């Protein structure tokens, strides 16, 4: 399946879940993240057609006292999303990061990612380099967005 160059997704994932998510993705071939941004993921489904979509991830909810690094430092390919069942992942739990299994989430949807990798320090992309699909200039971010956004393909 080809990857679209029309747009990408910029998304926060709690830093505590990223290492566990990569282990899950390596073992199972994909990983599922929770979100309440169901409208955004419906829009992604309409836009992507039969393509995969690149996802640039930045760690959120870092240890207290440490500032959020305003850079996308993880990368993956968005596959699809599924509605939650009473806030929980409706599929096989093996696709959820192990670090999330004790959570009591109330997510609207779960979005699936494959090929999750941590980018090298040189590959990190400042969040200010991303531009919304409906924007004429890059984001002048002082704080990191707290939910996924659709961005122009950055390269």
Protein backbone atom coordinates (compact mmCIF):
# COMPACT_ATOMS: atom_id res chain seq x y z
CA UNK A 1 0.00 0.00 0.00
CA UNK A 2 1.31 3.46 -0.90
CA UNK A 3 1.80 6.39 1.47
CA UNK A 4 0.01 9.67 0.78
CA UNK A 5 2.11 12.80 0.42
CA UNK A 6 -0.99 15.03 0.58
CA UNK A 7 -1.05 15.30 4.37
CA UNK A 8 0.20 13.75 7.60
CA UNK A 9 -0.92 13.50 11.22
CA UNK A 10 0.86 15.22 14.10
CA UNK A 11 -0.14 13.57 17.36
CA UNK A 12 0.74 13.59 21.06
CA UNK A 13 1.21 10.29 22.88
CA UNK A 14 2.00 10.16 26.62
CA UNK A 15 5.73 9.58 26.97
CA UNK A 16 5.14 6.76 29.45
CA UNK A 17 3.49 4.70 26.67
CA UNK A 18 5.92 5.17 23.78
CA UNK A 19 8.56 2.54 24.62
CA UNK A 20 5.82 0.02 25.43
CA UNK A 21 4.00 0.95 22.20
CA UNK A 22 7.13 0.27 20.15
CA UNK A 23 7.52 -3.15 21.80
CA UNK A 24 3.87 -3.92 21.02
CA UNK A 25 4.26 -2.75 17.42
CA UNK A 26 7.44 -4.79 16.93
CA UNK A 27 5.78 -7.90 18.36
CA UNK A 28 2.28 -7.58 16.84
CA UNK A 29 2.88 -5.51 13.70
CA UNK A 30 0.71 -2.63 14.91
CA UNK A 31 -0.30 -0.74 18.03
CA UNK A 32 -3.54 1.03 19.03
CA UNK A 33 -3.62 4.46 20.70
CA UNK A 34 -6.71 6.00 22.30
CA UNK A 35 -8.11 9.42 21.41
CA UNK A 36 -11.21 11.54 21.76
CA UNK A 37 -10.54 13.22 18.40
CA UNK A 38 -13.08 11.07 16.57
CA UNK A 39 -14.03 13.87 14.14
CA UNK A 40 -10.41 14.30 13.07
CA UNK A 41 -9.96 10.59 12.42
CA UNK A 42 -13.19 10.47 10.40
CA UNK A 43 -11.80 13.31 8.31
CA UNK A 44 -8.51 11.40 7.90
CA UNK A 45 -10.44 8.36 6.66
CA UNK A 46 -12.18 10.47 4.01
CA UNK A 47 -8.94 12.13 2.92
CA UNK A 48 -6.64 9.11 2.83
CA UNK A 49 -8.64 6.99 0.40
CA UNK A 50 -6.64 3.75 0.06
CA UNK A 51 -3.32 5.21 1.22
CA UNK A 52 -1.36 4.91 4.43
CA UNK A 53 -0.75 8.18 6.28
CA UNK A 54 2.48 9.18 8.00
CA UNK A 55 2.16 10.02 11.69
CA UNK A 56 4.64 12.23 13.50
CA UNK A 57 4.41 11.77 17.26
CA UNK A 58 5.68 13.95 20.06
CA UNK A 59 5.83 12.75 23.68
CA UNK A 60 3.27 14.40 25.93
CA UNK A 61 2.63 14.25 29.67
CA UNK A 62 6.32 13.96 30.45
CA UNK A 63 7.56 13.52 34.01
CA UNK A 64 6.62 16.52 36.11
CA UNK A 65 9.31 19.13 36.23
CA UNK A 66 10.53 18.33 32.72
CA UNK A 67 9.29 20.52 29.87
CA UNK A 68 7.72 18.92 26.81
CA UNK A 69 10.27 18.69 24.02
CA UNK A 70 8.61 20.64 21.24
CA UNK A 71 9.74 18.14 18.59
CA UNK A 72 8.22 15.16 16.82
CA UNK A 73 10.58 12.36 17.82
CA UNK A 74 8.57 9.29 16.79
CA UNK A 75 7.19 8.19 13.43
CA UNK A 76 4.70 5.59 12.24
CA UNK A 77 2.09 4.85 9.61
CA UNK A 78 -1.59 5.33 10.37
CA UNK A 79 -3.71 2.36 9.32
CA UNK A 80 -7.26 3.07 10.49
CA UNK A 81 -9.38 3.73 13.56
CA UNK A 82 -12.16 1.92 15.39
CA UNK A 83 -14.85 3.24 17.74
CA UNK A 84 -14.36 2.36 21.37
CA UNK A 85 -16.68 0.10 23.29
CA UNK A 86 -17.65 1.97 26.47
CA UNK A 87 -14.35 3.84 26.30
CA UNK A 88 -12.21 0.74 25.92
CA UNK A 89 -10.40 -0.84 22.99
CA UNK A 90 -12.86 -3.23 21.29
CA UNK A 91 -10.19 -5.41 19.70
CA UNK A 92 -7.59 -7.81 20.97
CA UNK A 93 -5.72 -6.32 23.95
CA UNK A 94 -2.42 -7.50 22.50
CA UNK A 95 -2.51 -4.42 20.21
CA UNK A 96 -2.52 -1.99 23.15
CA UNK A 97 0.76 -0.93 24.79
CA UNK A 98 1.33 -2.95 27.94
CA UNK A 99 1.73 0.30 29.88
CA UNK A 100 -1.95 1.12 29.17
CA UNK A 101 -3.50 -2.10 30.44
CA UNK A 102 -4.18 -0.74 33.95
CA UNK A 103 -5.67 2.53 32.65
CA UNK A 104 -9.33 3.31 33.05
CA UNK A 105 -9.73 5.23 29.80
CA UNK A 106 -12.81 6.75 28.28
CA UNK A 107 -11.59 7.10 24.70
CA UNK A 108 -13.98 7.75 21.81
CA UNK A 109 -11.83 5.90 19.25
CA UNK A 110 -8.60 3.95 18.91
CA UNK A 111 -6.23 4.63 16.04
CA UNK A 112 -3.92 1.94 14.72
CA UNK A 113 -0.30 2.54 13.75
CA UNK A 114 2.29 0.25 12.17
CA UNK A 115 6.05 0.68 11.73
CA UNK A 116 6.39 2.79 14.89
CA UNK A 117 9.98 3.96 15.34
CA UNK A 118 11.83 6.45 17.47
CA UNK A 119 13.62 9.00 15.31
CA UNK A 120 17.30 9.71 15.83
CA UNK A 121 18.14 13.05 17.44
CA UNK A 122 19.11 14.43 14.02
CA UNK A 123 15.71 13.44 12.58
CA UNK A 124 13.61 15.20 15.24
CA UNK A 125 11.28 17.77 13.70
CA UNK A 126 10.42 20.95 15.65
CA UNK A 127 6.65 21.24 16.02
CA UNK A 128 6.92 24.78 14.67
CA UNK A 129 7.92 23.30 11.27
CA UNK A 130 4.47 21.74 10.82
CA UNK A 131 1.67 23.57 9.03
CA UNK A 132 -2.02 22.77 9.29
CA UNK A 133 -3.69 21.76 6.04
CA UNK A 134 -5.86 24.86 6.35
CA UNK A 135 -2.99 27.24 7.27
CA UNK A 136 -0.76 29.48 5.14
CA UNK A 137 2.17 29.50 7.55
CA UNK A 138 3.88 27.13 9.96
CA UNK A 139 2.51 26.87 13.49
CA UNK A 140 4.02 29.43 15.84
CA UNK A 141 3.60 27.09 18.76
CA UNK A 142 4.31 28.19 22.30
CA UNK A 143 2.72 25.05 23.68
CA UNK A 144 2.27 21.62 22.15
CA UNK A 145 -1.21 20.76 20.82
CA UNK A 146 -3.01 18.40 23.21
CA UNK A 147 -4.75 16.37 20.51
CA UNK A 148 -3.88 15.09 17.01
CA UNK A 149 -3.99 17.52 14.09
CA UNK A 150 -3.90 17.09 10.32
CA UNK A 151 -0.85 18.79 8.83
CA UNK A 152 0.59 19.33 5.39
CA UNK A 153 3.09 16.66 4.46
CA UNK A 154 6.30 18.15 5.87
CA UNK A 155 8.84 17.11 3.24
